[in-house]
């Protein structure tokens, strides 16, 4: 009777394991297929943002007796523009991907000065910028590396400046994302952690089942041999 009960219990256990495996088979197959697709068709993508900040407040400019001048010329409504480009794809972007054409960053108000251009990591070369009256032209003669972040800081003069970016890319996309606030960044980080946990949970369950296999076999052996 003990052996029979053990056999029935073992049968029930493996029936449950089989059912769990069947439930996880579909999402596992989808994930494996998605990873294979990503490996065969690497995504090339550039994400950029533009942050525009007034150099002086309205009160300071109109009632505080303060002014900003550059090379002897007084600026009426100066703003600092910070443009950030990130290669978030899985491959470097070579000059051929840009069709050997530059990236154009345009402004609806005049550009006064290019204050800074930098790259992170700093060992990777920045795409050099050339300034004209209403645009920055970024030369694409060198690679834009995977994970590289390019930042350009410029001084403009005018009311309500609007910034746009144009790039000619082959088999790639360019998306704009507004600079997130600190609260938005924390919320996005929290959502990312929950998504990661939800994706990992089924595979953690499978790992637990696999790790429990030896223990189940040991218990069945002991029962069969008159524990």
N, C-alpha and C. Protein backbone atom coordinates (compact mmCIF):
# COMPACT_ATOMS: atom_id res chain seq x y z
N UNK A 1 0.84 -1.21 0.00
CA UNK A 1 0.00 0.00 0.00
C UNK A 1 0.86 1.26 0.00
N UNK A 2 1.97 1.22 0.75
CA UNK A 2 2.85 2.38 0.81
C UNK A 2 3.48 2.65 -0.54
N UNK A 3 3.92 1.56 -1.21
CA UNK A 3 4.54 1.73 -2.52
C UNK A 3 3.53 2.25 -3.53
N UNK A 4 2.29 1.72 -3.46
CA UNK A 4 1.25 2.17 -4.37
C UNK A 4 0.95 3.65 -4.18
N UNK A 5 0.86 4.04 -2.90
CA UNK A 5 0.59 5.45 -2.61
C UNK A 5 1.73 6.33 -3.11
N UNK A 6 2.98 5.83 -2.96
CA UNK A 6 4.11 6.61 -3.43
C UNK A 6 4.10 6.75 -4.94
N UNK A 7 3.73 5.64 -5.63
CA UNK A 7 3.66 5.70 -7.08
C UNK A 7 2.60 6.70 -7.54
N UNK A 8 1.42 6.69 -6.84
CA UNK A 8 0.37 7.63 -7.21
C UNK A 8 0.81 9.07 -6.96
N UNK A 9 1.51 9.27 -5.81
CA UNK A 9 1.99 10.62 -5.50
C UNK A 9 3.01 11.08 -6.52
N UNK A 10 3.91 10.15 -6.89
CA UNK A 10 4.91 10.49 -7.90
C UNK A 10 4.26 10.80 -9.23
N UNK A 11 3.23 10.04 -9.59
CA UNK A 11 2.53 10.30 -10.84
C UNK A 11 1.86 11.65 -10.84
N UNK A 12 1.24 12.00 -9.71
CA UNK A 12 0.60 13.31 -9.60
C UNK A 12 1.64 14.43 -9.70
N UNK A 13 2.80 14.22 -9.05
CA UNK A 13 3.85 15.24 -9.07
C UNK A 13 4.31 15.52 -10.48
N UNK A 14 4.57 14.45 -11.24
CA UNK A 14 5.06 14.64 -12.59
C UNK A 14 3.97 15.15 -13.53
N UNK A 15 2.72 14.84 -13.19
CA UNK A 15 1.63 15.42 -13.98
C UNK A 15 1.60 16.94 -13.81
N UNK A 16 1.82 17.40 -12.57
CA UNK A 16 1.86 18.84 -12.30
C UNK A 16 3.05 19.49 -13.01
N UNK A 17 4.22 18.81 -12.90
CA UNK A 17 5.40 19.33 -13.56
C UNK A 17 5.18 19.43 -15.06
N UNK A 18 4.54 18.39 -15.64
CA UNK A 18 4.26 18.40 -17.07
C UNK A 18 3.32 19.52 -17.46
N UNK A 19 2.31 19.76 -16.62
CA UNK A 19 1.36 20.85 -16.90
C UNK A 19 2.05 22.20 -16.86
N UNK A 20 2.92 22.41 -15.86
CA UNK A 20 3.65 23.67 -15.75
C UNK A 20 4.57 23.86 -16.95
N UNK A 21 5.23 22.75 -17.34
CA UNK A 21 6.10 22.83 -18.51
C UNK A 21 5.35 23.19 -19.77
N UNK A 22 4.14 22.63 -19.92
CA UNK A 22 3.32 22.94 -21.09
C UNK A 22 2.91 24.40 -21.10
N UNK A 23 2.57 24.93 -19.91
CA UNK A 23 2.18 26.34 -19.83
C UNK A 23 3.34 27.27 -20.18
N UNK A 24 4.56 26.87 -19.80
CA UNK A 24 5.72 27.72 -20.05
C UNK A 24 6.31 27.54 -21.43
N UNK A 25 5.87 26.51 -22.14
CA UNK A 25 6.46 26.22 -23.45
C UNK A 25 6.23 27.35 -24.44
N UNK A 26 4.99 27.88 -24.47
CA UNK A 26 4.66 28.92 -25.45
C UNK A 26 5.45 30.21 -25.20
N UNK A 27 5.42 30.78 -23.96
CA UNK A 27 6.20 32.01 -23.75
C UNK A 27 7.70 31.79 -23.94
N UNK A 28 8.18 30.59 -23.59
CA UNK A 28 9.60 30.31 -23.79
C UNK A 28 9.95 30.30 -25.27
N UNK A 29 9.09 29.66 -26.08
CA UNK A 29 9.32 29.62 -27.53
C UNK A 29 9.28 31.03 -28.13
N UNK A 30 8.33 31.85 -27.64
CA UNK A 30 8.24 33.23 -28.14
C UNK A 30 9.50 34.02 -27.81
N UNK A 31 9.98 33.85 -26.56
CA UNK A 31 11.18 34.59 -26.15
C UNK A 31 12.39 34.14 -26.95
N UNK A 32 12.54 32.83 -27.13
CA UNK A 32 13.67 32.33 -27.91
C UNK A 32 13.61 32.84 -29.35
N UNK A 33 12.40 32.83 -29.93
CA UNK A 33 12.25 33.34 -31.29
C UNK A 33 12.57 34.82 -31.39
N UNK A 34 12.15 35.57 -30.37
CA UNK A 34 12.42 37.02 -30.36
C UNK A 34 13.91 37.29 -30.26
N UNK A 35 14.62 36.53 -29.40
CA UNK A 35 16.06 36.69 -29.26
C UNK A 35 16.78 36.32 -30.55
N UNK A 36 16.29 35.27 -31.21
CA UNK A 36 16.89 34.87 -32.48
C UNK A 36 16.68 35.96 -33.53
N UNK A 37 15.48 36.55 -33.54
CA UNK A 37 15.19 37.63 -34.49
C UNK A 37 16.10 38.82 -34.25
N UNK A 38 16.29 39.17 -32.96
CA UNK A 38 17.15 40.30 -32.63
C UNK A 38 18.59 40.04 -33.05
N UNK A 39 19.02 38.76 -32.95
CA UNK A 39 20.39 38.42 -33.32
C UNK A 39 20.59 38.49 -34.83
N UNK A 40 19.58 38.03 -35.60
CA UNK A 40 19.70 38.01 -37.05
C UNK A 40 19.49 39.40 -37.64
N UNK A 41 18.52 40.16 -37.08
CA UNK A 41 18.21 41.49 -37.58
C UNK A 41 18.54 42.53 -36.52
N UNK A 42 19.83 42.89 -36.38
CA UNK A 42 20.22 43.85 -35.34
C UNK A 42 19.55 45.20 -35.54
N UNK A 43 19.03 45.76 -34.48
CA UNK A 43 18.33 47.03 -34.55
C UNK A 43 19.33 48.18 -34.52
N UNK A 44 19.15 49.13 -35.41
CA UNK A 44 19.96 50.35 -35.41
C UNK A 44 19.01 51.52 -35.13
N UNK A 45 19.31 52.23 -34.07
CA UNK A 45 18.37 53.27 -33.66
C UNK A 45 19.11 54.39 -32.93
N UNK A 46 18.73 55.62 -33.26
CA UNK A 46 19.28 56.80 -32.60
C UNK A 46 18.14 57.50 -31.86
N UNK A 47 18.38 57.81 -30.63
CA UNK A 47 17.39 58.56 -29.83
C UNK A 47 18.03 59.91 -29.48
N UNK A 48 17.21 60.97 -29.61
CA UNK A 48 17.76 62.28 -29.31
C UNK A 48 16.77 63.11 -28.51
N UNK A 49 17.29 64.09 -27.82
CA UNK A 49 16.45 65.00 -27.03
C UNK A 49 17.06 66.39 -27.08
N UNK A 50 16.24 67.39 -26.82
CA UNK A 50 16.70 68.79 -26.79
C UNK A 50 16.12 69.47 -25.55
N UNK A 51 17.00 70.00 -24.74
CA UNK A 51 16.58 70.73 -23.55
C UNK A 51 16.89 72.22 -23.76
N UNK A 52 15.87 73.06 -23.64
CA UNK A 52 16.02 74.50 -23.85
C UNK A 52 15.76 75.21 -22.53
N UNK A 53 16.74 76.00 -22.08
CA UNK A 53 16.62 76.69 -20.79
C UNK A 53 16.96 78.17 -20.97
N UNK A 54 16.08 79.07 -20.49
CA UNK A 54 16.39 80.51 -20.58
C UNK A 54 17.61 80.84 -19.72
N UNK A 55 18.49 81.66 -20.26
CA UNK A 55 19.70 82.02 -19.53
C UNK A 55 19.39 82.98 -18.39
N UNK A 56 18.35 83.80 -18.53
CA UNK A 56 17.92 84.70 -17.47
C UNK A 56 16.41 84.62 -17.35
N UNK A 57 15.91 84.84 -16.15
CA UNK A 57 14.47 84.87 -15.98
C UNK A 57 13.89 86.14 -16.58
N UNK A 58 12.57 86.14 -16.81
CA UNK A 58 11.91 87.31 -17.39
C UNK A 58 12.06 88.52 -16.49
N UNK A 59 11.98 88.30 -15.19
CA UNK A 59 12.08 89.43 -14.24
C UNK A 59 13.48 90.02 -14.29
N UNK A 60 14.50 89.12 -14.31
CA UNK A 60 15.88 89.62 -14.31
C UNK A 60 16.17 90.38 -15.60
N UNK A 61 15.63 89.88 -16.70
CA UNK A 61 15.91 90.52 -17.99
C UNK A 61 15.22 91.86 -18.13
N UNK A 62 14.04 92.01 -17.50
CA UNK A 62 13.25 93.22 -17.73
C UNK A 62 13.23 94.19 -16.54
N UNK A 63 13.57 93.71 -15.36
CA UNK A 63 13.49 94.61 -14.23
C UNK A 63 14.68 94.57 -13.30
N UNK A 64 15.61 93.65 -13.57
CA UNK A 64 16.73 93.50 -12.66
C UNK A 64 18.00 94.20 -13.10
N UNK A 65 17.97 94.84 -14.24
CA UNK A 65 19.15 95.54 -14.70
C UNK A 65 20.25 94.62 -15.20
N UNK A 66 19.94 93.36 -15.48
CA UNK A 66 20.94 92.41 -15.96
C UNK A 66 20.83 92.25 -17.47
N UNK A 67 21.97 91.97 -18.08
CA UNK A 67 21.99 91.74 -19.52
C UNK A 67 23.11 90.77 -19.85
N UNK A 68 23.00 90.15 -21.02
CA UNK A 68 24.02 89.22 -21.50
C UNK A 68 24.55 89.76 -22.81
N UNK A 69 25.85 89.82 -22.92
CA UNK A 69 26.48 90.31 -24.14
C UNK A 69 27.54 89.33 -24.59
N UNK A 70 27.71 89.21 -25.88
CA UNK A 70 28.74 88.34 -26.45
C UNK A 70 29.46 89.11 -27.54
N UNK A 71 30.77 89.25 -27.37
CA UNK A 71 31.61 90.00 -28.33
C UNK A 71 31.06 91.40 -28.56
N UNK A 72 30.59 92.03 -27.47
CA UNK A 72 30.10 93.39 -27.56
C UNK A 72 28.67 93.54 -28.00
N UNK A 73 28.00 92.43 -28.32
CA UNK A 73 26.60 92.47 -28.77
C UNK A 73 25.70 91.97 -27.64
N UNK A 74 24.71 92.77 -27.26
CA UNK A 74 23.78 92.39 -26.20
C UNK A 74 22.73 91.44 -26.75
N UNK A 75 22.49 90.37 -26.01
CA UNK A 75 21.51 89.37 -26.41
C UNK A 75 20.17 89.69 -25.75
N UNK A 76 19.11 89.66 -26.55
CA UNK A 76 17.79 90.05 -26.05
C UNK A 76 17.17 88.95 -25.18
N UNK A 77 17.04 87.75 -25.73
CA UNK A 77 16.43 86.63 -24.98
C UNK A 77 17.28 85.38 -25.15
N UNK A 78 18.42 85.34 -24.48
CA UNK A 78 19.33 84.20 -24.65
C UNK A 78 18.80 82.92 -24.00
N UNK A 79 19.05 81.81 -24.65
CA UNK A 79 18.70 80.48 -24.14
C UNK A 79 19.89 79.54 -24.32
N UNK A 80 19.99 78.58 -23.42
CA UNK A 80 20.96 77.50 -23.55
C UNK A 80 20.23 76.28 -24.11
N UNK A 81 20.76 75.74 -25.19
CA UNK A 81 20.19 74.54 -25.82
C UNK A 81 21.16 73.39 -25.64
N UNK A 82 20.68 72.30 -25.09
CA UNK A 82 21.49 71.09 -24.92
C UNK A 82 20.85 69.95 -25.70
N UNK A 83 21.53 69.52 -26.74
CA UNK A 83 21.04 68.43 -27.59
C UNK A 83 21.85 67.18 -27.30
N UNK A 84 21.13 66.08 -27.06
CA UNK A 84 21.79 64.81 -26.74
C UNK A 84 21.36 63.74 -27.72
N UNK A 85 22.33 63.05 -28.31
CA UNK A 85 22.07 61.95 -29.23
C UNK A 85 22.68 60.68 -28.65
N UNK A 86 21.92 59.59 -28.68
CA UNK A 86 22.38 58.32 -28.15
C UNK A 86 22.15 57.22 -29.17
N UNK A 87 23.18 56.43 -29.42
CA UNK A 87 23.03 55.24 -30.25
C UNK A 87 22.56 54.10 -29.35
N UNK A 88 21.25 53.85 -29.35
CA UNK A 88 20.68 52.82 -28.48
C UNK A 88 20.52 51.49 -29.21
N UNK A 89 21.03 51.41 -30.43
CA UNK A 89 20.94 50.18 -31.20
C UNK A 89 21.98 49.16 -30.76
N UNK A 90 22.04 48.06 -31.49
CA UNK A 90 22.94 46.96 -31.15
C UNK A 90 24.21 46.96 -31.99
N UNK A 91 24.34 47.91 -32.90
CA UNK A 91 25.49 47.97 -33.78
C UNK A 91 26.00 49.41 -33.89
N UNK A 92 27.27 49.54 -34.22
CA UNK A 92 27.80 50.86 -34.53
C UNK A 92 27.16 51.39 -35.81
N UNK A 93 27.04 52.69 -35.90
CA UNK A 93 26.57 53.34 -37.12
C UNK A 93 27.77 53.88 -37.87
N UNK A 94 28.00 53.32 -39.05
CA UNK A 94 29.13 53.73 -39.88
C UNK A 94 28.70 54.88 -40.80
N UNK A 95 29.67 55.57 -41.40
CA UNK A 95 29.31 56.66 -42.33
C UNK A 95 28.38 56.22 -43.45
N UNK A 96 28.50 54.95 -43.89
CA UNK A 96 27.62 54.47 -44.97
C UNK A 96 26.16 54.42 -44.53
N UNK A 97 25.92 54.20 -43.23
CA UNK A 97 24.54 54.17 -42.74
C UNK A 97 23.89 55.56 -42.83
N UNK A 98 24.71 56.60 -42.83
CA UNK A 98 24.21 57.97 -42.96
C UNK A 98 24.24 58.43 -44.42
N UNK A 99 24.53 57.50 -45.33
CA UNK A 99 24.65 57.83 -46.76
C UNK A 99 25.67 58.94 -46.98
N UNK A 100 26.68 58.97 -46.08
CA UNK A 100 27.75 59.98 -46.14
C UNK A 100 27.21 61.41 -46.06
N UNK A 101 26.02 61.56 -45.45
CA UNK A 101 25.42 62.89 -45.28
C UNK A 101 25.49 63.30 -43.81
N UNK A 102 25.56 64.59 -43.52
CA UNK A 102 25.66 65.04 -42.14
C UNK A 102 24.31 64.99 -41.41
N UNK A 103 24.39 65.11 -40.09
CA UNK A 103 23.22 65.28 -39.25
C UNK A 103 23.00 66.78 -39.07
N UNK A 104 21.77 67.23 -39.27
CA UNK A 104 21.47 68.66 -39.15
C UNK A 104 20.60 68.91 -37.92
N UNK A 105 21.08 69.78 -37.04
CA UNK A 105 20.30 70.24 -35.89
C UNK A 105 19.92 71.70 -36.17
N UNK A 106 18.63 71.96 -36.29
CA UNK A 106 18.18 73.30 -36.67
C UNK A 106 17.46 74.00 -35.53
N UNK A 107 17.50 75.32 -35.55
CA UNK A 107 16.85 76.15 -34.53
C UNK A 107 16.01 77.22 -35.23
N UNK A 108 14.87 77.54 -34.63
CA UNK A 108 14.00 78.58 -35.20
C UNK A 108 14.50 79.98 -34.88
N UNK A 109 15.48 80.08 -33.96
CA UNK A 109 16.07 81.38 -33.63
C UNK A 109 17.58 81.29 -33.89
N UNK A 110 18.25 82.42 -34.03
CA UNK A 110 19.67 82.39 -34.38
C UNK A 110 20.55 81.71 -33.33
N UNK A 111 21.52 80.93 -33.82
CA UNK A 111 22.55 80.39 -32.95
C UNK A 111 23.65 81.44 -32.79
N UNK A 112 24.07 81.61 -31.55
CA UNK A 112 25.09 82.63 -31.25
C UNK A 112 26.46 82.00 -31.06
N UNK A 113 26.50 80.85 -30.36
CA UNK A 113 27.80 80.22 -30.08
C UNK A 113 27.60 78.75 -29.78
N UNK A 114 28.57 77.95 -30.19
CA UNK A 114 28.64 76.54 -29.79
C UNK A 114 29.53 76.48 -28.56
N UNK A 115 28.94 76.17 -27.41
CA UNK A 115 29.67 76.22 -26.15
C UNK A 115 30.42 74.94 -25.82
N UNK A 116 29.85 73.80 -26.23
CA UNK A 116 30.49 72.54 -25.85
C UNK A 116 30.02 71.42 -26.77
N UNK A 117 30.91 70.50 -27.04
CA UNK A 117 30.57 69.24 -27.69
C UNK A 117 31.38 68.14 -27.02
N UNK A 118 30.70 67.09 -26.58
CA UNK A 118 31.39 66.04 -25.83
C UNK A 118 30.81 64.67 -26.16
N UNK A 119 31.58 63.66 -25.82
CA UNK A 119 31.20 62.27 -26.07
C UNK A 119 31.37 61.47 -24.79
N UNK A 120 30.43 60.56 -24.57
CA UNK A 120 30.56 59.58 -23.50
C UNK A 120 30.41 58.19 -24.12
N UNK A 121 31.38 57.29 -23.94
CA UNK A 121 32.65 57.49 -23.26
C UNK A 121 33.54 58.49 -24.00
N UNK A 122 34.41 59.14 -23.24
CA UNK A 122 35.22 60.21 -23.81
C UNK A 122 36.28 59.69 -24.78
N UNK A 123 36.60 58.38 -24.71
CA UNK A 123 37.61 57.83 -25.61
C UNK A 123 37.07 57.69 -27.04
N UNK A 124 35.75 57.74 -27.19
CA UNK A 124 35.16 57.66 -28.53
C UNK A 124 35.00 59.07 -29.09
N UNK A 125 35.31 59.22 -30.35
CA UNK A 125 35.36 60.55 -30.95
C UNK A 125 33.96 61.15 -31.11
N UNK A 126 33.88 62.44 -30.84
CA UNK A 126 32.64 63.17 -31.05
C UNK A 126 32.49 63.44 -32.55
N UNK A 127 31.24 63.48 -33.01
CA UNK A 127 31.00 63.90 -34.39
C UNK A 127 31.15 65.42 -34.42
N UNK A 128 32.16 65.96 -35.10
CA UNK A 128 32.43 67.40 -35.03
C UNK A 128 31.29 68.23 -35.62
N UNK A 129 31.00 69.34 -34.95
CA UNK A 129 29.89 70.20 -35.36
C UNK A 129 30.41 71.49 -35.99
N UNK A 130 29.70 71.93 -37.03
CA UNK A 130 29.97 73.22 -37.67
C UNK A 130 28.72 74.08 -37.53
N UNK A 131 28.88 75.30 -37.01
CA UNK A 131 27.73 76.16 -36.73
C UNK A 131 27.47 77.13 -37.86
N UNK A 132 26.21 77.31 -38.20
CA UNK A 132 25.78 78.37 -39.12
C UNK A 132 24.75 79.21 -38.38
N UNK A 133 24.06 80.09 -39.07
CA UNK A 133 23.17 81.04 -38.39
C UNK A 133 22.03 80.36 -37.66
N UNK A 134 21.49 79.25 -38.21
CA UNK A 134 20.35 78.59 -37.58
C UNK A 134 20.50 77.08 -37.46
N UNK A 135 21.73 76.58 -37.56
CA UNK A 135 21.88 75.13 -37.50
C UNK A 135 23.27 74.71 -37.06
N UNK A 136 23.33 73.47 -36.56
CA UNK A 136 24.59 72.78 -36.31
C UNK A 136 24.66 71.61 -37.29
N UNK A 137 25.77 71.49 -37.97
CA UNK A 137 25.96 70.40 -38.92
C UNK A 137 26.99 69.44 -38.35
N UNK A 138 26.56 68.18 -38.10
CA UNK A 138 27.44 67.18 -37.51
C UNK A 138 28.00 66.30 -38.61
N UNK A 139 29.32 66.26 -38.73
CA UNK A 139 29.97 65.42 -39.74
C UNK A 139 29.87 63.95 -39.33
N UNK A 140 29.53 63.09 -40.27
CA UNK A 140 29.37 61.66 -39.98
C UNK A 140 30.48 60.84 -40.63
N UNK A 141 31.69 61.40 -40.68
CA UNK A 141 32.81 60.70 -41.29
C UNK A 141 33.42 59.65 -40.38
N UNK A 142 33.05 59.67 -39.09
CA UNK A 142 33.55 58.67 -38.14
C UNK A 142 32.37 57.90 -37.57
N UNK A 143 32.61 56.68 -37.03
CA UNK A 143 31.49 55.87 -36.52
C UNK A 143 30.80 56.51 -35.32
N UNK A 144 29.51 56.27 -35.24
CA UNK A 144 28.71 56.60 -34.05
C UNK A 144 28.51 55.27 -33.33
N UNK A 145 29.27 55.06 -32.27
CA UNK A 145 29.38 53.74 -31.67
C UNK A 145 28.13 53.35 -30.86
N UNK A 146 27.93 52.05 -30.75
CA UNK A 146 26.84 51.53 -29.94
C UNK A 146 27.00 51.99 -28.50
N UNK A 147 25.93 52.56 -27.93
CA UNK A 147 25.96 53.04 -26.56
C UNK A 147 26.60 54.41 -26.38
N UNK A 148 27.13 54.98 -27.44
CA UNK A 148 27.77 56.28 -27.34
C UNK A 148 26.73 57.39 -27.19
N UNK A 149 27.05 58.38 -26.37
CA UNK A 149 26.18 59.53 -26.14
C UNK A 149 26.93 60.79 -26.56
N UNK A 150 26.34 61.54 -27.47
CA UNK A 150 26.91 62.80 -27.95
C UNK A 150 26.08 63.96 -27.41
N UNK A 151 26.75 64.96 -26.87
CA UNK A 151 26.05 66.12 -26.31
C UNK A 151 26.62 67.40 -26.91
N UNK A 152 25.71 68.27 -27.34
CA UNK A 152 26.09 69.56 -27.92
C UNK A 152 25.34 70.66 -27.17
N UNK A 153 26.10 71.63 -26.68
CA UNK A 153 25.52 72.74 -25.92
C UNK A 153 25.76 74.02 -26.71
N UNK A 154 24.68 74.76 -26.98
CA UNK A 154 24.78 75.96 -27.79
C UNK A 154 24.03 77.11 -27.11
N UNK A 155 24.43 78.33 -27.46
CA UNK A 155 23.75 79.54 -27.01
C UNK A 155 22.96 80.10 -28.19
N UNK A 156 21.66 80.33 -27.96
CA UNK A 156 20.81 80.91 -29.00
C UNK A 156 20.17 82.18 -28.45
N UNK A 157 19.68 83.00 -29.36
CA UNK A 157 19.06 84.26 -28.94
C UNK A 157 17.75 84.44 -29.69
N UNK A 158 16.65 84.38 -28.95
CA UNK A 158 15.34 84.52 -29.56
C UNK A 158 14.26 83.99 -28.65
N UNK A 159 13.02 84.34 -28.96
CA UNK A 159 11.88 83.94 -28.14
C UNK A 159 11.38 82.55 -28.54
N UNK A 160 11.19 81.70 -27.54
CA UNK A 160 10.61 80.36 -27.72
C UNK A 160 11.31 79.56 -28.82
N UNK A 161 12.59 79.27 -28.65
CA UNK A 161 13.30 78.51 -29.68
C UNK A 161 12.79 77.08 -29.81
N UNK A 162 12.69 76.60 -31.05
CA UNK A 162 12.29 75.23 -31.35
C UNK A 162 13.47 74.52 -32.03
N UNK A 163 13.74 73.32 -31.59
CA UNK A 163 14.90 72.58 -32.09
C UNK A 163 14.41 71.33 -32.82
N UNK A 164 14.98 71.08 -34.00
CA UNK A 164 14.66 69.89 -34.78
C UNK A 164 15.96 69.23 -35.23
N UNK A 165 15.84 67.95 -35.59
CA UNK A 165 17.01 67.20 -36.06
C UNK A 165 16.62 66.40 -37.29
N UNK A 166 17.47 66.44 -38.31
CA UNK A 166 17.26 65.64 -39.52
C UNK A 166 18.51 64.81 -39.78
N UNK A 167 18.28 63.54 -40.10
CA UNK A 167 19.38 62.64 -40.44
C UNK A 167 18.91 61.65 -41.50
N UNK A 168 19.79 61.36 -42.43
CA UNK A 168 19.50 60.38 -43.48
C UNK A 168 20.14 59.06 -43.08
N UNK A 169 19.29 58.12 -42.62
CA UNK A 169 19.79 56.83 -42.14
C UNK A 169 19.20 55.70 -42.94
N UNK A 170 20.02 54.68 -43.22
CA UNK A 170 19.58 53.50 -43.94
C UNK A 170 19.39 52.35 -42.96
N UNK A 171 18.22 51.69 -43.02
CA UNK A 171 17.91 50.56 -42.13
C UNK A 171 18.08 50.95 -40.67
N UNK A 172 17.64 52.12 -40.34
CA UNK A 172 17.73 52.61 -38.96
C UNK A 172 16.65 53.66 -38.75
N UNK A 173 16.42 53.99 -37.50
CA UNK A 173 15.40 54.98 -37.18
C UNK A 173 15.97 56.03 -36.23
N UNK A 174 15.35 57.22 -36.28
CA UNK A 174 15.72 58.32 -35.39
C UNK A 174 14.47 58.74 -34.65
N UNK A 175 14.49 58.63 -33.33
CA UNK A 175 13.33 58.96 -32.50
C UNK A 175 13.69 60.08 -31.53
N UNK A 176 12.70 60.94 -31.32
CA UNK A 176 12.90 62.02 -30.34
C UNK A 176 12.22 61.65 -29.04
N UNK A 177 12.91 61.94 -27.95
CA UNK A 177 12.33 61.74 -26.62
C UNK A 177 12.64 62.96 -25.78
N UNK A 178 11.60 63.53 -25.19
CA UNK A 178 11.79 64.71 -24.37
C UNK A 178 12.61 64.35 -23.13
N UNK A 179 13.47 65.26 -22.67
CA UNK A 179 14.27 64.98 -21.47
C UNK A 179 13.35 64.71 -20.28
N UNK A 180 13.48 63.55 -19.60
CA UNK A 180 12.59 63.23 -18.49
C UNK A 180 12.93 64.02 -17.24
N UNK A 181 11.90 64.29 -16.44
CA UNK A 181 12.13 64.91 -15.14
C UNK A 181 12.63 63.83 -14.18
N UNK A 182 13.22 64.22 -13.04
CA UNK A 182 13.70 63.22 -12.08
C UNK A 182 12.61 62.25 -11.62
N UNK A 183 11.39 62.76 -11.40
CA UNK A 183 10.30 61.88 -10.99
C UNK A 183 9.94 60.88 -12.07
N UNK A 184 9.96 61.33 -13.32
CA UNK A 184 9.67 60.44 -14.43
C UNK A 184 10.72 59.37 -14.56
N UNK A 185 11.99 59.73 -14.34
CA UNK A 185 13.07 58.75 -14.42
C UNK A 185 12.89 57.68 -13.35
N UNK A 186 12.50 58.08 -12.13
CA UNK A 186 12.30 57.08 -11.07
C UNK A 186 11.14 56.16 -11.41
N UNK A 187 10.06 56.73 -11.94
CA UNK A 187 8.91 55.91 -12.30
C UNK A 187 9.26 54.93 -13.41
N UNK A 188 10.02 55.39 -14.41
CA UNK A 188 10.44 54.50 -15.49
C UNK A 188 11.34 53.40 -14.98
N UNK A 189 12.22 53.74 -14.04
CA UNK A 189 13.09 52.72 -13.47
C UNK A 189 12.31 51.67 -12.71
N UNK A 190 11.27 52.10 -11.97
CA UNK A 190 10.43 51.16 -11.23
C UNK A 190 9.68 50.24 -12.19
N UNK A 191 9.11 50.80 -13.27
CA UNK A 191 8.40 49.98 -14.26
C UNK A 191 9.34 48.98 -14.90
N UNK A 192 10.58 49.42 -15.17
CA UNK A 192 11.55 48.53 -15.79
C UNK A 192 11.86 47.34 -14.88
N UNK A 193 11.98 47.59 -13.57
CA UNK A 193 12.27 46.50 -12.64
C UNK A 193 11.12 45.51 -12.58
N UNK A 194 9.87 46.01 -12.60
CA UNK A 194 8.72 45.11 -12.57
C UNK A 194 8.61 44.29 -13.85
N UNK A 195 8.90 44.92 -14.98
CA UNK A 195 8.87 44.18 -16.25
C UNK A 195 9.93 43.10 -16.25
N UNK A 196 11.12 43.43 -15.77
CA UNK A 196 12.19 42.43 -15.70
C UNK A 196 11.80 41.26 -14.81
N UNK A 197 11.18 41.57 -13.67
CA UNK A 197 10.73 40.51 -12.75
C UNK A 197 9.67 39.64 -13.39
N UNK A 198 8.71 40.27 -14.11
CA UNK A 198 7.65 39.50 -14.75
C UNK A 198 8.20 38.57 -15.83
N UNK A 199 9.20 39.05 -16.57
CA UNK A 199 9.79 38.22 -17.62
C UNK A 199 10.61 37.09 -17.02
N UNK A 200 11.31 37.38 -15.92
CA UNK A 200 12.21 36.38 -15.33
C UNK A 200 11.48 35.34 -14.51
N UNK A 201 10.28 35.66 -13.98
CA UNK A 201 9.58 34.76 -13.06
C UNK A 201 9.35 33.36 -13.63
N UNK A 202 8.83 33.21 -14.87
CA UNK A 202 8.62 31.85 -15.39
C UNK A 202 9.90 31.04 -15.47
N UNK A 203 10.99 31.66 -15.82
CA UNK A 203 12.25 30.93 -15.96
C UNK A 203 12.84 30.59 -14.59
N UNK A 204 12.60 31.45 -13.61
CA UNK A 204 13.00 31.11 -12.25
C UNK A 204 12.22 29.90 -11.75
N UNK A 205 10.93 29.84 -12.11
CA UNK A 205 10.10 28.70 -11.71
C UNK A 205 10.61 27.41 -12.35
N UNK A 206 10.96 27.48 -13.63
CA UNK A 206 11.51 26.31 -14.30
C UNK A 206 12.80 25.87 -13.62
N UNK A 207 13.64 26.83 -13.26
CA UNK A 207 14.90 26.50 -12.61
C UNK A 207 14.66 25.80 -11.28
N UNK A 208 13.66 26.27 -10.52
CA UNK A 208 13.34 25.64 -9.24
C UNK A 208 12.89 24.21 -9.46
N UNK A 209 12.04 24.00 -10.50
CA UNK A 209 11.55 22.64 -10.78
C UNK A 209 12.71 21.71 -11.14
N UNK A 210 13.61 22.22 -11.98
CA UNK A 210 14.76 21.40 -12.39
C UNK A 210 15.65 21.08 -11.21
N UNK A 211 15.89 22.08 -10.35
CA UNK A 211 16.73 21.86 -9.19
C UNK A 211 16.08 20.89 -8.19
N UNK A 212 14.75 20.81 -8.21
CA UNK A 212 14.03 19.91 -7.29
C UNK A 212 13.96 18.48 -7.80
N UNK A 213 14.38 18.26 -9.04
CA UNK A 213 14.24 16.92 -9.65
C UNK A 213 15.00 15.87 -8.84
N UNK A 214 16.24 16.16 -8.49
CA UNK A 214 17.03 15.18 -7.74
C UNK A 214 16.42 14.88 -6.39
N UNK A 215 15.86 15.91 -5.73
CA UNK A 215 15.23 15.69 -4.43
C UNK A 215 14.01 14.79 -4.55
N UNK A 216 13.20 15.02 -5.60
CA UNK A 216 12.00 14.19 -5.81
C UNK A 216 12.40 12.74 -6.08
N UNK A 217 13.43 12.54 -6.89
CA UNK A 217 13.89 11.20 -7.19
C UNK A 217 14.41 10.51 -5.95
N UNK A 218 15.11 11.24 -5.09
CA UNK A 218 15.62 10.66 -3.86
C UNK A 218 14.50 10.22 -2.93
N UNK A 219 13.46 11.04 -2.82
CA UNK A 219 12.32 10.69 -1.96
C UNK A 219 11.61 9.46 -2.50
N UNK A 220 11.40 9.40 -3.81
CA UNK A 220 10.75 8.23 -4.41
C UNK A 220 11.58 6.96 -4.18
N UNK A 221 12.90 7.09 -4.30
CA UNK A 221 13.76 5.93 -4.08
C UNK A 221 13.64 5.42 -2.65
N UNK A 222 13.65 6.35 -1.71
CA UNK A 222 13.54 5.98 -0.30
C UNK A 222 12.21 5.31 0.00
N UNK A 223 11.13 5.83 -0.61
CA UNK A 223 9.81 5.23 -0.39
C UNK A 223 9.73 3.83 -0.96
N UNK A 224 10.24 3.65 -2.16
CA UNK A 224 10.21 2.34 -2.81
C UNK A 224 11.01 1.30 -2.02
N UNK A 225 12.02 1.77 -1.32
CA UNK A 225 12.88 0.82 -0.61
C UNK A 225 12.56 0.76 0.88
N UNK A 226 11.34 1.07 1.20
CA UNK A 226 10.85 0.87 2.57
C UNK A 226 11.41 1.83 3.60
N UNK A 227 11.60 3.07 3.24
CA UNK A 227 12.02 4.17 4.11
C UNK A 227 11.58 3.96 5.52
